[in-house]
Amino acid sequence: MPWPPYSPDLNPKENLWALLKQEIYKLHPELEHASDTVATKRALIEAAKEA
């Protein structure tokens, strides 16, 4: 069965986000279970800058 043309599996951006998220959680495992707050979002941005 062929994949639909807009499948996330075929979208390079989706794969990039998955890799970035994986690297951030490796560096900062405490963020994986953090709540969705402004402070958490800022911490994620700072962690991404360091990665």
N, C-alpha and C. Protein backbone atom coordinates (compact mmCIF):
# COMPACT_ATOMS: atom_id res chain seq x y z
N MET A 1 0.85 -1.17 0.00
CA MET A 1 0.00 0.00 0.00
C MET A 1 0.90 1.24 0.00
N PRO A 2 0.71 2.17 -0.93
CA PRO A 2 1.55 3.38 -0.99
C PRO A 2 1.19 4.36 0.12
N TRP A 3 2.21 5.14 0.53
CA TRP A 3 2.00 6.17 1.53
C TRP A 3 1.32 7.39 0.91
N PRO A 4 0.46 8.06 1.68
CA PRO A 4 -0.13 9.31 1.17
C PRO A 4 0.97 10.36 0.99
N PRO A 5 0.83 11.27 0.04
CA PRO A 5 1.90 12.23 -0.24
C PRO A 5 2.24 13.15 0.93
N TYR A 6 1.31 13.38 1.84
CA TYR A 6 1.58 14.28 2.96
C TYR A 6 1.78 13.54 4.27
N SER A 7 2.22 12.32 4.19
CA SER A 7 2.45 11.51 5.38
C SER A 7 3.59 12.09 6.20
N PRO A 8 3.46 12.17 7.53
CA PRO A 8 4.56 12.65 8.36
C PRO A 8 5.82 11.80 8.21
N ASP A 9 5.66 10.53 7.86
CA ASP A 9 6.82 9.67 7.67
C ASP A 9 7.70 10.15 6.52
N LEU A 10 7.10 10.82 5.55
CA LEU A 10 7.84 11.28 4.37
C LEU A 10 8.27 12.74 4.47
N ASN A 11 7.92 13.40 5.56
CA ASN A 11 8.22 14.81 5.74
C ASN A 11 9.56 14.95 6.48
N PRO A 12 10.61 15.48 5.85
CA PRO A 12 11.91 15.59 6.53
C PRO A 12 11.87 16.44 7.79
N LYS A 13 10.98 17.44 7.82
CA LYS A 13 10.88 18.29 9.03
C LYS A 13 10.42 17.48 10.23
N GLU A 14 9.48 16.58 10.03
CA GLU A 14 8.99 15.75 11.14
C GLU A 14 10.12 14.89 11.69
N ASN A 15 10.93 14.35 10.81
CA ASN A 15 12.06 13.52 11.25
C ASN A 15 13.09 14.36 11.98
N LEU A 16 13.33 15.58 11.51
CA LEU A 16 14.27 16.48 12.16
C LEU A 16 13.81 16.83 13.57
N TRP A 17 12.52 17.16 13.72
CA TRP A 17 11.98 17.49 15.05
C TRP A 17 12.13 16.30 15.99
N ALA A 18 11.89 15.10 15.50
CA ALA A 18 12.02 13.91 16.34
C ALA A 18 13.47 13.75 16.81
N LEU A 19 14.43 13.96 15.93
CA LEU A 19 15.84 13.85 16.31
C LEU A 19 16.24 14.95 17.29
N LEU A 20 15.77 16.17 17.05
CA LEU A 20 16.09 17.27 17.95
C LEU A 20 15.51 17.02 19.34
N LYS A 21 14.27 16.57 19.38
CA LYS A 21 13.63 16.28 20.67
C LYS A 21 14.40 15.18 21.42
N GLN A 22 14.82 14.17 20.70
CA GLN A 22 15.56 13.07 21.31
C GLN A 22 16.88 13.57 21.91
N GLU A 23 17.59 14.44 21.20
CA GLU A 23 18.86 14.97 21.69
C GLU A 23 18.65 15.86 22.91
N ILE A 24 17.61 16.69 22.88
CA ILE A 24 17.34 17.56 24.03
C ILE A 24 17.01 16.73 25.26
N TYR A 25 16.21 15.69 25.11
CA TYR A 25 15.86 14.85 26.25
C TYR A 25 17.06 14.07 26.76
N LYS A 26 18.03 13.77 25.89
CA LYS A 26 19.26 13.11 26.34
C LYS A 26 20.06 14.05 27.23
N LEU A 27 20.14 15.33 26.82
CA LEU A 27 20.89 16.31 27.58
C LEU A 27 20.16 16.77 28.84
N HIS A 28 18.82 16.83 28.76
CA HIS A 28 18.00 17.33 29.87
C HIS A 28 16.81 16.39 30.09
N PRO A 29 17.03 15.22 30.69
CA PRO A 29 15.94 14.26 30.85
C PRO A 29 14.79 14.78 31.71
N GLU A 30 15.04 15.76 32.54
CA GLU A 30 13.98 16.29 33.39
C GLU A 30 12.89 16.99 32.57
N LEU A 31 13.21 17.41 31.37
CA LEU A 31 12.23 18.10 30.53
C LEU A 31 11.22 17.17 29.88
N GLU A 32 11.53 15.88 29.83
CA GLU A 32 10.64 14.94 29.15
C GLU A 32 9.27 14.86 29.81
N HIS A 33 9.22 15.04 31.11
CA HIS A 33 7.95 14.92 31.83
C HIS A 33 7.51 16.25 32.43
N ALA A 34 8.05 17.33 31.90
CA ALA A 34 7.71 18.65 32.41
C ALA A 34 6.33 19.08 31.92
N SER A 35 5.72 19.95 32.68
CA SER A 35 4.40 20.45 32.27
C SER A 35 4.57 21.49 31.16
N ASP A 36 3.48 21.85 30.54
CA ASP A 36 3.50 22.79 29.42
C ASP A 36 3.33 24.22 29.94
N THR A 37 4.38 24.74 30.57
CA THR A 37 4.34 26.09 31.12
C THR A 37 5.31 26.99 30.36
N VAL A 38 5.22 28.27 30.59
CA VAL A 38 6.12 29.22 29.95
C VAL A 38 7.56 28.92 30.37
N ALA A 39 7.77 28.63 31.64
CA ALA A 39 9.11 28.32 32.13
C ALA A 39 9.67 27.08 31.44
N THR A 40 8.83 26.09 31.24
CA THR A 40 9.26 24.87 30.56
C THR A 40 9.63 25.17 29.11
N LYS A 41 8.82 25.97 28.45
CA LYS A 41 9.11 26.33 27.06
C LYS A 41 10.43 27.08 26.96
N ARG A 42 10.68 27.98 27.90
CA ARG A 42 11.95 28.71 27.90
C ARG A 42 13.12 27.75 28.12
N ALA A 43 12.94 26.80 29.04
CA ALA A 43 14.00 25.82 29.30
C ALA A 43 14.27 24.97 28.07
N LEU A 44 13.22 24.60 27.35
CA LEU A 44 13.40 23.82 26.12
C LEU A 44 14.15 24.63 25.06
N ILE A 45 13.84 25.91 24.95
CA ILE A 45 14.53 26.76 23.98
C ILE A 45 16.00 26.89 24.35
N GLU A 46 16.29 27.10 25.61
CA GLU A 46 17.68 27.19 26.05
C GLU A 46 18.42 25.88 25.83
N ALA A 47 17.76 24.76 26.10
CA ALA A 47 18.38 23.45 25.88
C ALA A 47 18.66 23.23 24.40
N ALA A 48 17.76 23.69 23.54
CA ALA A 48 17.96 23.54 22.09
C ALA A 48 19.15 24.38 21.63
N LYS A 49 19.33 25.55 22.22
CA LYS A 49 20.46 26.40 21.85
C LYS A 49 21.78 25.74 22.22
N GLU A 50 21.79 25.00 23.34
CA GLU A 50 23.01 24.33 23.80
C GLU A 50 23.31 23.07 23.01
N ALA A 51 22.29 22.48 22.40
CA ALA A 51 22.47 21.18 21.72
C ALA A 51 23.19 21.31 20.41
